[in-house]
Amino acid sequence: MNIGIYIYDNAEVLDFSGPYEVFSVANRFLEEKHNLFFISEKEEVIKARGEYKVLSDFTIETHPKLDVLIV
């Protein structure tokens, strides 16, 4: 299952790191693993709240087929 998490400037860190952590922990117990990745509008460093810097894995134009998108 492909799970994309959309990240954007000034986002709360917990809004994207919390879901990522939930699914990554679930992967420890699943036979078929979730494929988790971050998606952003452009291929550039995203500055979340507190100047926390994150680099997405894909852009909205380059991401793989999604089963779930978390915004």
PDB file of N, CA and C in Angstrom:
ATOM      1  N   MET A   1       0.849  -1.175   0.000  1.00  0.00           N
ATOM      2  CA  MET A   1       0.000   0.000   0.000  1.00  0.00           C
ATOM      3  C   MET A   1       0.894   1.237   0.000  1.00  0.00           C
ATOM      4  N   ASN A   2       0.671   2.142  -0.928  1.00  0.00           N
ATOM      5  CA  ASN A   2       1.415   3.398  -0.999  1.00  0.00           C
ATOM      6  C   ASN A   2       0.687   4.477  -0.210  1.00  0.00           C
ATOM      7  N   ILE A   3       1.377   5.000   0.782  1.00  0.00           N
ATOM      8  CA  ILE A   3       0.815   6.047   1.634  1.00  0.00           C
ATOM      9  C   ILE A   3       1.676   7.294   1.504  1.00  0.00           C
ATOM     10  N   GLY A   4       1.110   8.341   0.917  1.00  0.00           N
ATOM     11  CA  GLY A   4       1.799   9.609   0.773  1.00  0.00           C
ATOM     12  C   GLY A   4       1.346  10.581   1.850  1.00  0.00           C
ATOM     13  N   ILE A   5       2.293  11.310   2.398  1.00  0.00           N
ATOM     14  CA  ILE A   5       1.996  12.340   3.398  1.00  0.00           C
ATOM     15  C   ILE A   5       2.426  13.672   2.812  1.00  0.00           C
ATOM     16  N   TYR A   6       1.461  14.557   2.623  1.00  0.00           N
ATOM     17  CA  TYR A   6       1.740  15.861   2.018  1.00  0.00           C
ATOM     18  C   TYR A   6       2.351  16.799   3.064  1.00  0.00           C
ATOM     19  N   ILE A   7       3.479  17.399   2.716  1.00  0.00           N
ATOM     20  CA  ILE A   7       4.129  18.357   3.613  1.00  0.00           C
ATOM     21  C   ILE A   7       4.205  19.712   2.908  1.00  0.00           C
ATOM     22  N   TYR A   8       4.174  20.759   3.699  1.00  0.00           N
ATOM     23  CA  TYR A   8       4.145  22.116   3.152  1.00  0.00           C
ATOM     24  C   TYR A   8       4.744  23.069   4.168  1.00  0.00           C
ATOM     25  N   ASP A   9       5.138  24.247   3.689  1.00  0.00           N
ATOM     26  CA  ASP A   9       5.739  25.258   4.564  1.00  0.00           C
ATOM     27  C   ASP A   9       4.803  25.608   5.715  1.00  0.00           C
ATOM     28  N   ASN A  10       5.396  25.768   6.879  1.00  0.00           N
ATOM     29  CA  ASN A  10       4.726  26.183   8.105  1.00  0.00           C
ATOM     30  C   ASN A  10       3.758  25.134   8.670  1.00  0.00           C
ATOM     31  N   ALA A  11       3.875  23.891   8.219  1.00  0.00           N
ATOM     32  CA  ALA A  11       3.051  22.815   8.777  1.00  0.00           C
ATOM     33  C   ALA A  11       3.525  22.492  10.194  1.00  0.00           C
ATOM     34  N   GLU A  12       2.618  22.047  11.024  1.00  0.00           N
ATOM     35  CA  GLU A  12       2.990  21.558  12.350  1.00  0.00           C
ATOM     36  C   GLU A  12       3.770  20.257  12.160  1.00  0.00           C
ATOM     37  N   VAL A  13       4.892  20.119  12.810  1.00  0.00           N
ATOM     38  CA  VAL A  13       5.739  18.939  12.663  1.00  0.00           C
ATOM     39  C   VAL A  13       4.964  17.667  13.028  1.00  0.00           C
ATOM     40  N   LEU A  14       4.183  17.720  14.062  1.00  0.00           N
ATOM     41  CA  LEU A  14       3.425  16.549  14.494  1.00  0.00           C
ATOM     42  C   LEU A  14       2.397  16.113  13.453  1.00  0.00           C
ATOM     43  N   ASP A  15       1.916  17.032  12.632  1.00  0.00           N
ATOM     44  CA  ASP A  15       0.902  16.700  11.632  1.00  0.00           C
ATOM     45  C   ASP A  15       1.422  15.744  10.564  1.00  0.00           C
ATOM     46  N   PHE A  16       2.709  15.761  10.276  1.00  0.00           N
ATOM     47  CA  PHE A  16       3.244  14.809   9.306  1.00  0.00           C
ATOM     48  C   PHE A  16       4.118  13.736   9.952  1.00  0.00           C
ATOM     49  N   SER A  17       4.788  14.066  11.052  1.00  0.00           N
ATOM     50  CA  SER A  17       5.641  13.060  11.690  1.00  0.00           C
ATOM     51  C   SER A  17       4.824  12.049  12.494  1.00  0.00           C
ATOM     52  N   GLY A  18       3.688  12.477  13.045  1.00  0.00           N
ATOM     53  CA  GLY A  18       2.828  11.556  13.799  1.00  0.00           C
ATOM     54  C   GLY A  18       2.298  10.435  12.925  1.00  0.00           C
ATOM     55  N   PRO A  19       1.631  10.746  11.799  1.00  0.00           N
ATOM     56  CA  PRO A  19       1.161   9.678  10.918  1.00  0.00           C
ATOM     57  C   PRO A  19       2.301   8.805  10.380  1.00  0.00           C
ATOM     58  N   TYR A  20       3.431   9.424  10.070  1.00  0.00           N
ATOM     59  CA  TYR A  20       4.569   8.644   9.583  1.00  0.00           C
ATOM     60  C   TYR A  20       4.993   7.621  10.630  1.00  0.00           C
ATOM     61  N   GLU A  21       5.059   8.044  11.877  1.00  0.00           N
ATOM     62  CA  GLU A  21       5.467   7.152  12.954  1.00  0.00           C
ATOM     63  C   GLU A  21       4.461   6.023  13.159  1.00  0.00           C
ATOM     64  N   VAL A  22       3.174   6.337  13.103  1.00  0.00           N
ATOM     65  CA  VAL A  22       2.141   5.310  13.282  1.00  0.00           C
ATOM     66  C   VAL A  22       2.290   4.208  12.234  1.00  0.00           C
ATOM     67  N   PHE A  23       2.404   4.596  10.969  1.00  0.00           N
ATOM     68  CA  PHE A  23       2.510   3.594   9.911  1.00  0.00           C
ATOM     69  C   PHE A  23       3.855   2.879   9.911  1.00  0.00           C
ATOM     70  N   SER A  24       4.922   3.558  10.299  1.00  0.00           N
ATOM     71  CA  SER A  24       6.223   2.888  10.341  1.00  0.00           C
ATOM     72  C   SER A  24       6.271   1.871  11.480  1.00  0.00           C
ATOM     73  N   VAL A  25       5.632   2.160  12.599  1.00  0.00           N
ATOM     74  CA  VAL A  25       5.546   1.183  13.688  1.00  0.00           C
ATOM     75  C   VAL A  25       4.685  -0.002  13.249  1.00  0.00           C
ATOM     76  N   ALA A  26       3.575   0.278  12.569  1.00  0.00           N
ATOM     77  CA  ALA A  26       2.711  -0.801  12.077  1.00  0.00           C
ATOM     78  C   ALA A  26       3.485  -1.734  11.146  1.00  0.00           C
ATOM     79  N   ASN A  27       4.403  -1.183  10.367  1.00  0.00           N
ATOM     80  CA  ASN A  27       5.204  -2.009   9.456  1.00  0.00           C
ATOM     81  C   ASN A  27       6.006  -3.077  10.181  1.00  0.00           C
ATOM     82  N   ARG A  28       6.339  -2.838  11.425  1.00  0.00           N
ATOM     83  CA  ARG A  28       7.099  -3.838  12.190  1.00  0.00           C
ATOM     84  C   ARG A  28       6.292  -5.115  12.403  1.00  0.00           C
ATOM     85  N   PHE A  29       4.977  -5.003  12.366  1.00  0.00           N
ATOM     86  CA  PHE A  29       4.110  -6.127  12.677  1.00  0.00           C
ATOM     87  C   PHE A  29       3.377  -6.692  11.457  1.00  0.00           C
ATOM     88  N   LEU A  30       3.523  -6.051  10.317  1.00  0.00           N
ATOM     89  CA  LEU A  30       2.810  -6.476   9.115  1.00  0.00           C
ATOM     90  C   LEU A  30       3.693  -7.301   8.196  1.00  0.00           C
ATOM     91  N   GLU A  31       3.091  -8.294   7.589  1.00  0.00           N
ATOM     92  CA  GLU A  31       3.823  -9.078   6.607  1.00  0.00           C
ATOM     93  C   GLU A  31       4.015  -8.270   5.328  1.00  0.00           C
ATOM     94  N   GLU A  32       2.931  -7.622   4.870  1.00  0.00           N
ATOM     95  CA  GLU A  32       3.014  -6.742   3.702  1.00  0.00           C
ATOM     96  C   GLU A  32       3.183  -5.306   4.187  1.00  0.00           C
ATOM     97  N   LYS A  33       4.334  -4.741   3.951  1.00  0.00           N
ATOM     98  CA  LYS A  33       4.688  -3.425   4.491  1.00  0.00           C
ATOM     99  C   LYS A  33       4.028  -2.287   3.721  1.00  0.00           C
ATOM    100  N   HIS A  34       3.771  -1.190   4.439  1.00  0.00           N
ATOM    101  CA  HIS A  34       3.313   0.045   3.809  1.00  0.00           C
ATOM    102  C   HIS A  34       4.525   0.748   3.207  1.00  0.00           C
ATOM    103  N   ASN A  35       4.336   1.353   2.063  1.00  0.00           N
ATOM    104  CA  ASN A  35       5.370   2.171   1.449  1.00  0.00           C
ATOM    105  C   ASN A  35       5.039   3.626   1.798  1.00  0.00           C
ATOM    106  N   LEU A  36       5.809   4.220   2.708  1.00  0.00           N
ATOM    107  CA  LEU A  36       5.547   5.577   3.202  1.00  0.00           C
ATOM    108  C   LEU A  36       6.476   6.573   2.530  1.00  0.00           C
ATOM    109  N   PHE A  37       5.911   7.728   2.182  1.00  0.00           N
ATOM    110  CA  PHE A  37       6.762   8.766   1.608  1.00  0.00           C
ATOM    111  C   PHE A  37       6.103  10.129   1.764  1.00  0.00           C
ATOM    112  N   PHE A  38       6.962  11.162   1.750  1.00  0.00           N
ATOM    113  CA  PHE A  38       6.507  12.546   1.821  1.00  0.00           C
ATOM    114  C   PHE A  38       6.366  13.115   0.418  1.00  0.00           C
ATOM    115  N   ILE A  39       5.331  13.945   0.234  1.00  0.00           N
ATOM    116  CA  ILE A  39       5.072  14.614  -1.034  1.00  0.00           C
ATOM    117  C   ILE A  39       4.992  16.114  -0.766  1.00  0.00           C
ATOM    118  N   SER A  40       5.625  16.894  -1.619  1.00  0.00           N
ATOM    119  CA  SER A  40       5.524  18.355  -1.513  1.00  0.00           C
ATOM    120  C   SER A  40       5.201  18.933  -2.891  1.00  0.00           C
ATOM    121  N   GLU A  41       4.857  20.206  -2.901  1.00  0.00           N
ATOM    122  CA  GLU A  41       4.494  20.843  -4.170  1.00  0.00           C
ATOM    123  C   GLU A  41       5.682  20.903  -5.118  1.00  0.00           C
ATOM    124  N   LYS A  42       6.847  21.260  -4.586  1.00  0.00           N
ATOM    125  CA  LYS A  42       8.049  21.402  -5.405  1.00  0.00           C
ATOM    126  C   LYS A  42       9.195  20.625  -4.780  1.00  0.00           C
ATOM    127  N   GLU A  43      10.233  20.406  -5.573  1.00  0.00           N
ATOM    128  CA  GLU A  43      11.406  19.700  -5.097  1.00  0.00           C
ATOM    129  C   GLU A  43      12.347  20.684  -4.399  1.00  0.00           C
ATOM    130  N   GLU A  44      12.019  20.984  -3.141  1.00  0.00           N
ATOM    131  CA  GLU A  44      12.818  21.921  -2.349  1.00  0.00           C
ATOM    132  C   GLU A  44      12.616  21.606  -0.875  1.00  0.00           C
ATOM    133  N   VAL A  45      13.501  22.130  -0.061  1.00  0.00           N
ATOM    134  CA  VAL A  45      13.391  21.920   1.384  1.00  0.00           C
ATOM    135  C   VAL A  45      12.144  22.635   1.897  1.00  0.00           C
ATOM    136  N   ILE A  46      11.364  21.929   2.693  1.00  0.00           N
ATOM    137  CA  ILE A  46      10.165  22.483   3.312  1.00  0.00           C
ATOM    138  C   ILE A  46      10.528  22.929   4.715  1.00  0.00           C
ATOM    139  N   LYS A  47      10.087  24.118   5.099  1.00  0.00           N
ATOM    140  CA  LYS A  47      10.324  24.615   6.454  1.00  0.00           C
ATOM    141  C   LYS A  47       9.018  24.554   7.232  1.00  0.00           C
ATOM    142  N   ALA A  48       8.931  23.555   8.100  1.00  0.00           N
ATOM    143  CA  ALA A  48       7.755  23.419   8.956  1.00  0.00           C
ATOM    144  C   ALA A  48       7.885  24.404  10.121  1.00  0.00           C
ATOM    145  N   ARG A  49       6.945  24.347  11.042  1.00  0.00           N
ATOM    146  CA  ARG A  49       6.983  25.257  12.201  1.00  0.00           C
ATOM    147  C   ARG A  49       8.314  25.112  12.935  1.00  0.00           C
ATOM    148  N   GLY A  50       8.759  26.203  13.495  1.00  0.00           N
ATOM    149  CA  GLY A  50      10.025  26.204  14.230  1.00  0.00           C
ATOM    150  C   GLY A  50      11.233  26.055  13.329  1.00  0.00           C
ATOM    151  N   GLU A  51      11.056  26.356  12.026  1.00  0.00           N
ATOM    152  CA  GLU A  51      12.140  26.245  11.045  1.00  0.00           C
ATOM    153  C   GLU A  51      12.662  24.814  10.897  1.00  0.00           C
ATOM    154  N   TYR A  52      11.834  23.819  11.252  1.00  0.00           N
ATOM    155  CA  TYR A  52      12.179  22.398  11.092  1.00  0.00           C
ATOM    156  C   TYR A  52      12.204  22.084   9.602  1.00  0.00           C
ATOM    157  N   LYS A  53      13.352  21.640   9.100  1.00  0.00           N
ATOM    158  CA  LYS A  53      13.522  21.439   7.664  1.00  0.00           C
ATOM    159  C   LYS A  53      13.304  19.976   7.276  1.00  0.00           C
ATOM    160  N   VAL A  54      12.530  19.791   6.200  1.00  0.00           N
ATOM    161  CA  VAL A  54      12.202  18.453   5.721  1.00  0.00           C
ATOM    162  C   VAL A  54      12.328  18.438   4.203  1.00  0.00           C
ATOM    163  N   LEU A  55      12.874  17.371   3.660  1.00  0.00           N
ATOM    164  CA  LEU A  55      12.975  17.208   2.221  1.00  0.00           C
ATOM    165  C   LEU A  55      12.020  16.085   1.811  1.00  0.00           C
ATOM    166  N   SER A  56      11.110  16.378   0.910  1.00  0.00           N
ATOM    167  CA  SER A  56      10.146  15.364   0.490  1.00  0.00           C
ATOM    168  C   SER A  56      10.810  14.316  -0.395  1.00  0.00           C
ATOM    169  N   ASP A  57      10.133  13.186  -0.513  1.00  0.00           N
ATOM    170  CA  ASP A  57      10.614  12.109  -1.376  1.00  0.00           C
ATOM    171  C   ASP A  57      10.180  12.323  -2.820  1.00  0.00           C
ATOM    172  N   PHE A  58       9.001  12.940  -2.995  1.00  0.00           N
ATOM    173  CA  PHE A  58       8.421  13.158  -4.312  1.00  0.00           C
ATOM    174  C   PHE A  58       7.705  14.506  -4.340  1.00  0.00           C
ATOM    175  N   THR A  59       7.403  14.962  -5.546  1.00  0.00           N
ATOM    176  CA  THR A  59       6.558  16.149  -5.706  1.00  0.00           C
ATOM    177  C   THR A  59       5.154  15.672  -6.103  1.00  0.00           C
ATOM    178  N   ILE A  60       4.221  16.623  -6.187  1.00  0.00           N
ATOM    179  CA  ILE A  60       2.866  16.251  -6.584  1.00  0.00           C
ATOM    180  C   ILE A  60       2.815  15.768  -8.037  1.00  0.00           C
ATOM    181  N   GLU A  61       3.864  16.020  -8.780  1.00  0.00           N
ATOM    182  CA  GLU A  61       3.908  15.561 -10.173  1.00  0.00           C
ATOM    183  C   GLU A  61       4.685  14.258 -10.347  1.00  0.00           C
ATOM    184  N   THR A  62       5.496  13.870  -9.356  1.00  0.00           N
ATOM    185  CA  THR A  62       6.370  12.701  -9.538  1.00  0.00           C
ATOM    186  C   THR A  62       6.073  11.527  -8.613  1.00  0.00           C
ATOM    187  N   HIS A  63       5.101  11.646  -7.726  1.00  0.00           N
ATOM    188  CA  HIS A  63       4.861  10.563  -6.760  1.00  0.00           C
ATOM    189  C   HIS A  63       4.292   9.319  -7.434  1.00  0.00           C
ATOM    190  N   PRO A  64       4.530   8.151  -6.822  1.00  0.00           N
ATOM    191  CA  PRO A  64       3.925   6.921  -7.338  1.00  0.00           C
ATOM    192  C   PRO A  64       2.416   6.915  -7.101  1.00  0.00           C
ATOM    193  N   LYS A  65       1.759   5.946  -7.695  1.00  0.00           N
ATOM    194  CA  LYS A  65       0.307   5.794  -7.512  1.00  0.00           C
ATOM    195  C   LYS A  65       0.017   5.688  -6.009  1.00  0.00           C
ATOM    196  N   LEU A  66      -0.996   6.425  -5.562  1.00  0.00           N
ATOM    197  CA  LEU A  66      -1.337   6.464  -4.141  1.00  0.00           C
ATOM    198  C   LEU A  66      -2.543   5.588  -3.819  1.00  0.00           C
ATOM    199  N   ASP A  67      -2.478   4.941  -2.659  1.00  0.00           N
ATOM    200  CA  ASP A  67      -3.643   4.276  -2.085  1.00  0.00           C
ATOM    201  C   ASP A  67      -4.268   5.182  -1.038  1.00  0.00           C
ATOM    202  N   VAL A  68      -3.399   5.921  -0.335  1.00  0.00           N
ATOM    203  CA  VAL A  68      -3.838   6.849   0.712  1.00  0.00           C
ATOM    204  C   VAL A  68      -2.991   8.111   0.624  1.00  0.00           C
ATOM    205  N   LEU A  69      -3.654   9.260   0.750  1.00  0.00           N
ATOM    206  CA  LEU A  69      -2.953  10.536   0.850  1.00  0.00           C
ATOM    207  C   LEU A  69      -3.371  11.202   2.150  1.00  0.00           C
ATOM    208  N   ILE A  70      -2.404  11.531   2.984  1.00  0.00           N
ATOM    209  CA  ILE A  70      -2.659  12.217   4.251  1.00  0.00           C
ATOM    210  C   ILE A  70      -2.250  13.675   4.072  1.00  0.00           C
ATOM    211  N   VAL A  71      -3.207  14.575   4.342  1.00  0.00           N
ATOM    212  CA  VAL A  71      -2.947  16.004   4.226  1.00  0.00           C
ATOM    213  C   VAL A  71      -3.112  16.630   5.597  1.00  0.00           C
TER     214      VAL A  71
END
